[in-house]
Amino acid sequence: MLLLSFKSYSQDFIGKWKVFSYEDEIAYYNKITDSISYKNPARKAEAENFKQMSELLLFSVTYSFENNGKFVVDFPFIGERINGNFEVDKLNRKIVMIDDEGKKDEISFIYTDEILFVEMKMETGFIKLGLTKVNN
């Protein structure tokens, strides 16, 4: 019974989510406020180029978490959709996602004020996305 309280589908996560902010080691960009802050001024041009492409590459992406433990990540710009199963480990603040091909990802999260922040480790650095629920 104790295990079920820590690893579950978590009602907080159920629904469709859209990306509204992006952060990495170079910059933080919030689409809602259209504000960008640079962490590494030497790479400002690189961040500006990314900002121009972010609408198609990033802010069109949606995450859907269903009651039955299924997830869908939709990348409309590249025409790709990833399906699989997920669990929320609230104790360790991880979303464990296993896609239909068996690839497993453990994504760190913070859920606060109905905003879901997910952080993914990359080969070099990290990506942190801010997600808000979409009303269907």
Protein backbone atom coordinates (compact mmCIF):
# COMPACT_ATOMS: atom_id res chain seq x y z
CA MET A 1 0.00 0.00 0.00
CA LEU A 2 2.84 2.41 0.81
CA LEU A 3 4.47 1.78 -2.58
CA LEU A 4 1.25 2.72 -4.36
CA SER A 5 1.22 6.11 -2.69
CA PHE A 6 4.67 6.90 -4.11
CA LYS A 7 4.42 5.36 -7.57
CA SER A 8 1.17 6.09 -9.33
CA TYR A 9 -0.31 7.89 -12.29
CA SER A 10 -0.96 10.97 -10.10
CA GLN A 11 -4.11 12.92 -10.84
CA ASP A 12 -2.08 16.16 -10.90
CA PHE A 13 -0.45 15.05 -14.14
CA ILE A 14 -3.49 13.69 -15.98
CA GLY A 15 -4.31 15.78 -19.05
CA LYS A 16 -2.66 17.52 -21.96
CA TRP A 17 0.29 19.86 -21.35
CA LYS A 18 1.90 22.49 -23.58
CA VAL A 19 5.40 23.95 -23.27
CA PHE A 20 5.53 27.62 -22.24
CA SER A 21 9.15 28.03 -21.08
CA TYR A 22 12.57 26.67 -21.91
CA GLU A 23 15.80 26.79 -19.96
CA ASP A 24 19.27 25.44 -20.58
CA GLU A 25 22.82 26.44 -19.68
CA ILE A 26 22.68 29.34 -22.20
CA ALA A 27 19.34 31.07 -21.59
CA TYR A 28 15.85 31.04 -20.12
CA TYR A 29 12.94 31.89 -22.44
CA ASN A 30 9.33 32.39 -21.36
CA LYS A 31 6.95 32.43 -24.32
CA ILE A 32 4.01 33.85 -22.34
CA THR A 33 5.93 36.97 -21.30
CA ASP A 34 8.14 36.89 -24.43
CA SER A 35 11.15 37.40 -22.19
CA ILE A 36 14.59 35.92 -22.52
CA SER A 37 17.46 36.10 -20.06
CA TYR A 38 20.98 35.06 -20.97
CA LYS A 39 23.08 32.99 -18.62
CA ASN A 40 26.02 33.01 -20.96
CA PRO A 41 26.27 36.39 -22.76
CA ALA A 42 29.01 35.06 -25.04
CA ARG A 43 26.42 32.73 -26.59
CA LYS A 44 23.69 35.37 -27.01
CA ALA A 45 23.60 35.06 -30.83
CA GLU A 46 23.10 31.30 -30.51
CA ALA A 47 20.22 31.83 -28.08
CA GLU A 48 18.59 34.42 -30.37
CA ASN A 49 18.72 31.95 -33.29
CA PHE A 50 17.13 29.30 -31.09
CA LYS A 51 14.41 31.73 -29.99
CA GLN A 52 13.44 32.27 -33.62
CA MET A 53 13.07 28.52 -34.24
CA SER A 54 11.54 27.66 -30.86
CA GLU A 55 7.92 28.21 -31.92
CA LEU A 56 8.11 25.31 -34.36
CA LEU A 57 10.62 23.09 -32.60
CA LEU A 58 9.58 23.47 -28.98
CA PHE A 59 6.42 25.37 -28.23
CA SER A 60 4.29 23.21 -30.52
CA VAL A 61 5.19 20.07 -28.51
CA THR A 62 2.50 18.61 -26.25
CA TYR A 63 2.64 16.00 -23.50
CA SER A 64 -0.47 13.99 -22.64
CA PHE A 65 -0.77 11.82 -19.54
CA GLU A 66 -3.82 9.56 -19.34
CA ASN A 67 -5.64 7.92 -16.38
CA ASN A 68 -4.59 4.46 -17.56
CA GLY A 69 -0.85 5.20 -17.26
CA LYS A 70 -0.34 5.91 -20.96
CA PHE A 71 1.49 8.95 -22.31
CA VAL A 72 1.82 10.63 -25.69
CA VAL A 73 4.43 13.21 -26.65
CA ASP A 74 3.49 14.92 -29.91
CA PHE A 75 6.09 16.73 -32.05
CA PRO A 76 3.91 18.22 -34.84
CA PHE A 77 6.74 20.09 -36.60
CA ILE A 78 8.62 16.87 -37.37
CA GLY A 79 5.51 14.70 -37.57
CA GLU A 80 6.56 12.41 -34.74
CA ARG A 81 4.52 10.99 -31.89
CA ILE A 82 5.94 8.95 -29.01
CA ASN A 83 3.61 6.66 -27.07
CA GLY A 84 4.21 4.59 -23.98
CA ASN A 85 3.56 4.07 -20.28
CA PHE A 86 4.44 6.30 -17.35
CA GLU A 87 4.58 6.34 -13.56
CA VAL A 88 5.04 9.27 -11.24
CA ASP A 89 7.48 8.70 -8.40
CA LYS A 90 6.57 11.61 -6.08
CA LEU A 91 9.10 10.57 -3.43
CA ASN A 92 12.05 10.98 -5.81
CA ARG A 93 10.27 13.58 -7.99
CA LYS A 94 10.69 11.59 -11.19
CA ILE A 95 8.39 10.76 -14.07
CA VAL A 96 9.38 7.35 -15.39
CA MET A 97 8.43 7.04 -19.07
CA ILE A 98 8.85 3.86 -21.10
CA ASP A 99 8.01 4.23 -24.78
CA ASP A 100 6.48 1.53 -26.95
CA GLU A 101 9.95 0.55 -28.17
CA GLY A 102 11.15 -0.06 -24.58
CA LYS A 103 13.27 3.09 -24.19
CA LYS A 104 13.13 4.28 -20.57
CA ASP A 105 13.52 7.90 -19.47
CA GLU A 106 13.49 9.19 -15.91
CA ILE A 107 12.67 12.87 -15.93
CA SER A 108 13.00 15.04 -12.84
CA PHE A 109 10.00 17.23 -12.10
CA ILE A 110 8.68 19.98 -9.87
CA TYR A 111 4.93 20.55 -9.73
CA THR A 112 3.91 23.85 -8.21
CA ASP A 113 0.92 26.16 -8.65
CA GLU A 114 -0.45 23.94 -11.45
CA ILE A 115 2.77 24.32 -13.44
CA LEU A 116 4.84 21.26 -14.25
CA PHE A 117 8.58 21.78 -14.70
CA VAL A 118 10.45 18.83 -16.19
CA GLU A 119 14.22 18.61 -16.44
CA MET A 120 16.18 16.33 -18.73
CA LYS A 121 19.90 15.69 -18.53
CA MET A 122 21.65 15.93 -21.88
CA GLU A 123 25.10 14.74 -22.96
CA THR A 124 26.28 18.26 -22.17
CA GLY A 125 24.08 20.31 -19.87
CA PHE A 126 20.33 20.10 -19.33
CA ILE A 127 16.95 21.19 -20.68
CA LYS A 128 14.20 22.35 -18.34
CA LEU A 129 10.69 22.85 -19.74
CA GLY A 130 7.78 24.63 -18.10
CA LEU A 131 4.40 23.08 -18.95
CA THR A 132 0.85 24.31 -18.45
CA LYS A 133 -2.33 22.29 -18.83
CA VAL A 134 -4.33 22.78 -21.99
CA ASN A 135 -8.11 22.87 -21.75
CA ASN A 136 -9.47 20.44 -24.32
